Amino acid sequence: MNTSRQQNPTNSFFWLTSCFAFCIVVFGAIAHVTYRNKQIQTAREIEATEKRIAAMRQDDIPSIEAEIDRHLARYDLREKLRQQGSKLVATPSQHIQVIRLQNPDLSQQAQRP
C-alpha cells in the first residue's frame, strides 16, 4: 500500500498533451505522404510531357524541314539555271491551262503522270 502513495499520480494534462502531440504527428505524416505523392505525380506528368515534346520534335521538325526544302528547291533550281547560263524563263501563271478529262476511265488515269 505504501507504494501507491509514493508514486506520483499521472497528470491528466500530460496525457492530454501526449494525445494532442500524437495527433499532430499523425496528421503531419499523412500530409507529408499526400504532398510527396502529388510531387511524384507532377514529376511523372512533366516527364511524360517532355517525352511527347521530344516525339513531336522528332516527327514534325523533319517534315517541316522537308517542306521548307521543297519550297526552296525552286529557288535553288532557278539560281543553278542562271549560273549555267540557261535561256529558260518563268512561265506567267495566266498562260497556264488546266485540262480536265470529260469521262476519265481507269486506263486513261493510269497513263497520266
N, C-alpha and C. Protein backbone atom coordinates (compact mmCIF):
# COMPACT_ATOMS: atom_id res chain seq x y z
N MET A 1 0.80 -1.20 0.00
CA MET A 1 0.00 0.00 0.00
C MET A 1 0.84 1.26 0.00
N ASN A 2 1.97 1.19 0.56
CA ASN A 2 2.81 2.37 0.59
C ASN A 2 3.33 2.74 -0.81
N THR A 3 3.47 1.74 -1.67
CA THR A 3 4.00 2.04 -3.00
C THR A 3 3.07 2.94 -3.79
N SER A 4 1.80 2.78 -3.68
CA SER A 4 0.88 3.62 -4.43
C SER A 4 0.91 5.05 -3.93
N ARG A 5 1.22 5.25 -2.64
CA ARG A 5 1.29 6.61 -2.12
C ARG A 5 2.59 7.30 -2.57
N GLN A 6 3.63 6.51 -2.79
CA GLN A 6 4.90 7.12 -3.18
C GLN A 6 4.94 7.48 -4.67
N GLN A 7 4.14 6.85 -5.49
CA GLN A 7 4.10 7.17 -6.92
C GLN A 7 3.30 8.44 -7.14
N ASN A 8 3.82 9.24 -8.04
CA ASN A 8 3.09 10.46 -8.37
C ASN A 8 1.86 10.09 -9.19
N PRO A 9 0.78 10.72 -8.92
CA PRO A 9 -0.41 10.42 -9.73
C PRO A 9 -0.18 10.94 -11.16
N THR A 10 -0.65 10.16 -12.13
CA THR A 10 -0.50 10.55 -13.52
C THR A 10 -1.39 11.75 -13.79
N ASN A 11 -0.76 12.76 -14.29
CA ASN A 11 -1.46 14.01 -14.52
C ASN A 11 -2.28 13.90 -15.81
N SER A 12 -3.52 14.32 -15.79
CA SER A 12 -4.38 14.25 -16.98
C SER A 12 -3.88 15.24 -18.04
N PHE A 13 -3.26 16.32 -17.61
CA PHE A 13 -2.70 17.28 -18.56
C PHE A 13 -1.60 16.62 -19.41
N PHE A 14 -0.78 15.79 -18.79
CA PHE A 14 0.27 15.07 -19.50
C PHE A 14 -0.33 14.17 -20.58
N TRP A 15 -1.37 13.41 -20.23
CA TRP A 15 -1.99 12.51 -21.19
C TRP A 15 -2.68 13.29 -22.32
N LEU A 16 -3.29 14.38 -21.97
CA LEU A 16 -3.96 15.20 -22.97
C LEU A 16 -2.93 15.80 -23.94
N THR A 17 -1.83 16.29 -23.40
CA THR A 17 -0.77 16.85 -24.24
C THR A 17 -0.14 15.76 -25.11
N SER A 18 0.06 14.58 -24.56
CA SER A 18 0.64 13.47 -25.33
C SER A 18 -0.28 13.07 -26.48
N CYS A 19 -1.57 12.98 -26.22
CA CYS A 19 -2.54 12.63 -27.27
C CYS A 19 -2.57 13.71 -28.35
N PHE A 20 -2.53 14.97 -27.94
CA PHE A 20 -2.53 16.07 -28.89
C PHE A 20 -1.27 16.04 -29.75
N ALA A 21 -0.13 15.80 -29.15
CA ALA A 21 1.14 15.71 -29.89
C ALA A 21 1.11 14.53 -30.86
N PHE A 22 0.55 13.41 -30.41
CA PHE A 22 0.45 12.23 -31.27
C PHE A 22 -0.44 12.53 -32.48
N CYS A 23 -1.55 13.22 -32.25
CA CYS A 23 -2.45 13.59 -33.36
C CYS A 23 -1.74 14.51 -34.35
N ILE A 24 -0.97 15.46 -33.83
CA ILE A 24 -0.23 16.37 -34.71
C ILE A 24 0.77 15.59 -35.55
N VAL A 25 1.48 14.65 -34.94
CA VAL A 25 2.46 13.84 -35.67
C VAL A 25 1.77 13.01 -36.74
N VAL A 26 0.63 12.40 -36.41
CA VAL A 26 -0.09 11.56 -37.37
C VAL A 26 -0.59 12.40 -38.54
N PHE A 27 -1.21 13.54 -38.25
CA PHE A 27 -1.70 14.40 -39.33
C PHE A 27 -0.54 14.96 -40.16
N GLY A 28 0.56 15.26 -39.53
CA GLY A 28 1.74 15.72 -40.27
C GLY A 28 2.27 14.65 -41.20
N ALA A 29 2.30 13.41 -40.71
CA ALA A 29 2.78 12.31 -41.55
C ALA A 29 1.85 12.09 -42.74
N ILE A 30 0.55 12.16 -42.50
CA ILE A 30 -0.42 11.99 -43.58
C ILE A 30 -0.27 13.12 -44.61
N ALA A 31 -0.12 14.35 -44.13
CA ALA A 31 0.05 15.48 -45.04
C ALA A 31 1.34 15.34 -45.84
N HIS A 32 2.41 14.89 -45.18
CA HIS A 32 3.69 14.70 -45.87
C HIS A 32 3.55 13.67 -46.98
N VAL A 33 2.92 12.55 -46.69
CA VAL A 33 2.74 11.50 -47.70
C VAL A 33 1.89 12.00 -48.86
N THR A 34 0.83 12.73 -48.53
CA THR A 34 -0.04 13.27 -49.58
C THR A 34 0.72 14.23 -50.48
N TYR A 35 1.44 15.17 -49.90
CA TYR A 35 2.19 16.14 -50.70
C TYR A 35 3.30 15.47 -51.50
N ARG A 36 3.94 14.48 -50.92
CA ARG A 36 5.00 13.77 -51.63
C ARG A 36 4.43 13.01 -52.83
N ASN A 37 3.27 12.38 -52.65
CA ASN A 37 2.64 11.68 -53.77
C ASN A 37 2.26 12.65 -54.88
N LYS A 38 1.77 13.83 -54.51
CA LYS A 38 1.44 14.84 -55.52
C LYS A 38 2.70 15.29 -56.25
N GLN A 39 3.80 15.43 -55.51
CA GLN A 39 5.06 15.84 -56.12
C GLN A 39 5.55 14.78 -57.12
N ILE A 40 5.44 13.52 -56.74
CA ILE A 40 5.86 12.43 -57.63
C ILE A 40 4.97 12.40 -58.87
N GLN A 41 3.66 12.57 -58.67
CA GLN A 41 2.73 12.58 -59.80
C GLN A 41 3.04 13.74 -60.75
N THR A 42 3.33 14.90 -60.20
CA THR A 42 3.67 16.06 -61.04
C THR A 42 4.97 15.80 -61.81
N ALA A 43 5.95 15.19 -61.15
CA ALA A 43 7.21 14.88 -61.84
C ALA A 43 6.97 13.90 -62.98
N ARG A 44 6.08 12.93 -62.78
CA ARG A 44 5.77 11.97 -63.85
C ARG A 44 5.06 12.66 -65.01
N GLU A 45 4.15 13.58 -64.70
CA GLU A 45 3.46 14.32 -65.76
C GLU A 45 4.44 15.18 -66.55
N ILE A 46 5.39 15.80 -65.86
CA ILE A 46 6.40 16.61 -66.55
C ILE A 46 7.25 15.73 -67.46
N GLU A 47 7.63 14.57 -66.97
CA GLU A 47 8.44 13.65 -67.77
C GLU A 47 7.67 13.18 -69.00
N ALA A 48 6.38 12.86 -68.82
CA ALA A 48 5.56 12.43 -69.96
C ALA A 48 5.42 13.56 -70.98
N THR A 49 5.25 14.78 -70.50
CA THR A 49 5.15 15.92 -71.41
C THR A 49 6.45 16.13 -72.17
N GLU A 50 7.57 16.00 -71.49
CA GLU A 50 8.87 16.14 -72.16
C GLU A 50 9.05 15.06 -73.23
N LYS A 51 8.58 13.84 -72.95
CA LYS A 51 8.68 12.77 -73.94
C LYS A 51 7.81 13.08 -75.16
N ARG A 52 6.60 13.61 -74.92
CA ARG A 52 5.73 13.97 -76.04
C ARG A 52 6.34 15.09 -76.87
N ILE A 53 6.95 16.07 -76.21
CA ILE A 53 7.59 17.17 -76.94
C ILE A 53 8.74 16.63 -77.78
N ALA A 54 9.54 15.73 -77.20
CA ALA A 54 10.65 15.14 -77.95
C ALA A 54 10.14 14.34 -79.14
N ALA A 55 9.04 13.61 -78.96
CA ALA A 55 8.47 12.83 -80.06
C ALA A 55 7.94 13.76 -81.15
N MET A 56 7.31 14.85 -80.75
CA MET A 56 6.80 15.81 -81.74
C MET A 56 7.95 16.44 -82.51
N ARG A 57 9.01 16.78 -81.80
CA ARG A 57 10.17 17.36 -82.48
C ARG A 57 10.77 16.37 -83.46
N GLN A 58 10.80 15.12 -83.04
CA GLN A 58 11.40 14.09 -83.87
C GLN A 58 10.53 13.84 -85.11
N ASP A 59 9.21 13.92 -84.96
CA ASP A 59 8.31 13.63 -86.07
C ASP A 59 8.02 14.85 -86.93
N ASP A 60 7.73 15.97 -86.30
CA ASP A 60 7.24 17.14 -87.03
C ASP A 60 8.36 17.96 -87.66
N ILE A 61 9.46 18.13 -86.97
CA ILE A 61 10.51 19.01 -87.47
C ILE A 61 11.10 18.50 -88.79
N PRO A 62 11.39 17.19 -88.92
CA PRO A 62 11.89 16.75 -90.24
C PRO A 62 10.88 16.98 -91.36
N SER A 63 9.59 16.80 -91.08
CA SER A 63 8.60 17.02 -92.14
C SER A 63 8.50 18.51 -92.47
N ILE A 64 8.61 19.37 -91.47
CA ILE A 64 8.60 20.81 -91.73
C ILE A 64 9.84 21.20 -92.51
N GLU A 65 10.98 20.63 -92.13
CA GLU A 65 12.22 20.94 -92.86
C GLU A 65 12.14 20.44 -94.30
N ALA A 66 11.52 19.28 -94.50
CA ALA A 66 11.36 18.77 -95.87
C ALA A 66 10.46 19.68 -96.68
N GLU A 67 9.40 20.19 -96.06
CA GLU A 67 8.50 21.11 -96.77
C GLU A 67 9.23 22.42 -97.11
N ILE A 68 10.02 22.91 -96.18
CA ILE A 68 10.80 24.13 -96.46
C ILE A 68 11.79 23.87 -97.58
N ASP A 69 12.45 22.72 -97.54
CA ASP A 69 13.40 22.38 -98.61
C ASP A 69 12.69 22.27 -99.95
N ARG A 70 11.47 21.72 -99.94
CA ARG A 70 10.71 21.59 -101.18
C ARG A 70 10.36 22.97 -101.74
N HIS A 71 9.99 23.90 -100.85
CA HIS A 71 9.68 25.25 -101.30
C HIS A 71 10.93 25.99 -101.78
N LEU A 72 12.05 25.74 -101.14
CA LEU A 72 13.28 26.42 -101.52
C LEU A 72 13.93 25.81 -102.76
N ALA A 73 13.55 24.59 -103.10
CA ALA A 73 14.18 23.90 -104.23
C ALA A 73 13.96 24.67 -105.52
N ARG A 74 12.80 25.29 -105.70
CA ARG A 74 12.55 26.03 -106.95
C ARG A 74 13.50 27.21 -107.08
N TYR A 75 13.79 27.86 -105.95
CA TYR A 75 14.71 28.99 -106.00
C TYR A 75 16.14 28.52 -106.25
N ASP A 76 16.50 27.38 -105.65
CA ASP A 76 17.82 26.81 -105.91
C ASP A 76 17.96 26.43 -107.38
N LEU A 77 16.90 25.84 -107.93
CA LEU A 77 16.92 25.43 -109.33
C LEU A 77 17.05 26.65 -110.25
N ARG A 78 16.32 27.71 -109.95
CA ARG A 78 16.42 28.94 -110.74
C ARG A 78 17.84 29.51 -110.68
N GLU A 79 18.41 29.50 -109.48
CA GLU A 79 19.77 30.03 -109.32
C GLU A 79 20.79 29.18 -110.09
N LYS A 80 20.64 27.86 -110.05
CA LYS A 80 21.55 26.98 -110.79
C LYS A 80 21.41 27.20 -112.29
N LEU A 81 20.17 27.34 -112.76
CA LEU A 81 19.97 27.60 -114.19
C LEU A 81 20.59 28.92 -114.59
N ARG A 82 20.44 29.93 -113.75
CA ARG A 82 21.02 31.24 -114.04
C ARG A 82 22.55 31.14 -114.11
N GLN A 83 23.14 30.39 -113.17
CA GLN A 83 24.60 30.24 -113.14
C GLN A 83 25.11 29.49 -114.36
N GLN A 84 24.31 28.54 -114.86
CA GLN A 84 24.72 27.75 -116.02
C GLN A 84 24.45 28.47 -117.33
N GLY A 85 23.82 29.62 -117.26
CA GLY A 85 23.57 30.39 -118.48
C GLY A 85 22.40 29.87 -119.28
N SER A 86 21.44 29.24 -118.65
CA SER A 86 20.28 28.69 -119.35
C SER A 86 19.40 29.81 -119.86
N LYS A 87 18.71 29.55 -120.97
CA LYS A 87 17.83 30.54 -121.56
C LYS A 87 16.37 30.29 -121.16
N LEU A 88 16.15 29.40 -120.20
CA LEU A 88 14.78 29.14 -119.74
C LEU A 88 14.27 30.34 -118.96
N VAL A 89 12.98 30.63 -119.15
CA VAL A 89 12.36 31.74 -118.43
C VAL A 89 11.11 31.21 -117.72
N ALA A 90 10.68 31.93 -116.71
CA ALA A 90 9.50 31.52 -115.96
C ALA A 90 8.25 31.74 -116.80
N THR A 91 7.28 30.85 -116.67
CA THR A 91 6.02 30.96 -117.40
C THR A 91 5.03 31.73 -116.53
N PRO A 92 4.43 32.79 -117.05
CA PRO A 92 3.43 33.51 -116.27
C PRO A 92 2.21 32.62 -115.99
N SER A 93 1.61 32.81 -114.84
CA SER A 93 0.51 31.94 -114.44
C SER A 93 -0.72 32.09 -115.34
N GLN A 94 -0.92 33.24 -116.00
CA GLN A 94 -2.09 33.40 -116.87
C GLN A 94 -1.96 32.59 -118.16
N HIS A 95 -0.76 32.12 -118.49
CA HIS A 95 -0.58 31.31 -119.69
C HIS A 95 -0.75 29.82 -119.44
N ILE A 96 -0.93 29.43 -118.20
CA ILE A 96 -1.07 28.01 -117.86
C ILE A 96 -2.52 27.61 -118.02
N GLN A 97 -2.77 26.51 -118.75
CA GLN A 97 -4.13 26.00 -118.95
C GLN A 97 -4.25 24.65 -118.25
N VAL A 98 -5.34 24.48 -117.53
CA VAL A 98 -5.62 23.21 -116.86
C VAL A 98 -6.59 22.44 -117.75
N ILE A 99 -6.23 21.22 -118.12
CA ILE A 99 -7.07 20.39 -118.99
C ILE A 99 -7.59 19.23 -118.17
N ARG A 100 -8.91 19.11 -118.15
CA ARG A 100 -9.55 18.02 -117.40
C ARG A 100 -10.23 17.08 -118.40
N LEU A 101 -10.19 15.80 -118.11
CA LEU A 101 -10.85 14.81 -118.96
C LEU A 101 -12.35 14.83 -118.67
N GLN A 102 -13.17 14.64 -119.72
CA GLN A 102 -14.62 14.65 -119.55
C GLN A 102 -15.09 13.41 -118.80
N ASN A 103 -14.77 12.24 -119.32
CA ASN A 103 -15.17 10.97 -118.70
C ASN A 103 -13.94 10.09 -118.56
N PRO A 104 -13.15 10.31 -117.56
CA PRO A 104 -11.91 9.51 -117.46
C PRO A 104 -12.22 8.08 -117.04
N ASP A 105 -11.59 7.13 -117.68
CA ASP A 105 -11.68 5.75 -117.21
C ASP A 105 -10.33 5.37 -116.62
N LEU A 106 -10.26 4.17 -116.06
CA LEU A 106 -9.06 3.77 -115.32
C LEU A 106 -7.83 3.67 -116.22
N SER A 107 -8.01 3.27 -117.47
CA SER A 107 -6.84 3.12 -118.35
C SER A 107 -6.22 4.48 -118.65
N GLN A 108 -7.04 5.51 -118.81
CA GLN A 108 -6.51 6.84 -119.07
C GLN A 108 -5.85 7.43 -117.83
N GLN A 109 -6.42 7.13 -116.66
CA GLN A 109 -5.84 7.66 -115.43
C GLN A 109 -4.49 7.03 -115.15
N ALA A 110 -4.32 5.77 -115.53
CA ALA A 110 -3.04 5.10 -115.29
C ALA A 110 -1.94 5.71 -116.14
N GLN A 111 -2.29 6.28 -117.29
CA GLN A 111 -1.30 6.86 -118.18
C GLN A 111 -0.91 8.27 -117.79
N ARG A 112 -1.71 8.89 -116.93
CA ARG A 112 -1.41 10.26 -116.51
C ARG A 112 -0.21 10.27 -115.57
N PRO A 113 0.59 11.30 -115.61
CA PRO A 113 1.76 11.36 -114.71
C PRO A 113 1.34 11.64 -113.29
